[in-house]
């Protein structure tokens, strides 16, 4: 089984791209847990809420930990985003998050470049120039981990085709 994480700033097409890739490769899709969780909160999120989100992301990954078939599973977001959120909002990262990230899990990261229009919604917090700030931060985190990644850019079908090419390269190498 191949595991691919899509990460990037808010409003860079991760969810739509994850679904499109799962459909194209006839694989599984794991939706972003944080969005649903935060949409259902009755107040602003807290440090504890972000811990719950991180723990749920780990649980969702663990479902695919020991599967050994030829399928591809696409994760809409990943723990790096949560780590950055902890650092940005609270200036600390729980040890369980650091520990989980120290053990490589994904075969490939698709880092979505913020070249598509920002679409505001009640859950999104960082548009405009902040998207590039977070993009660079996610890129540094991936590079520090030393894991394979591909930058995905382009609008619409071009973006999807760029992601398909990146996943095809992964499948050809394995």
Foldseek 3Di string as FASTA:
>chain_A
DAEEEEDAAPPLCLQVLQVVVCVVQVAAEAEQPLVVQCVPDPDHDDPVSLVVSQVVLVVVLVVCQPDDDPGYYYYSHHLLVSQVVCCVPPVDGDPVSVVVLLDDRHQEYEYGDPPDDDDDDPVHDDDDPVRVVVSVVSVVSCVVSVHHYDYFDDDDPNSSVVVVVVVVVSSVVD
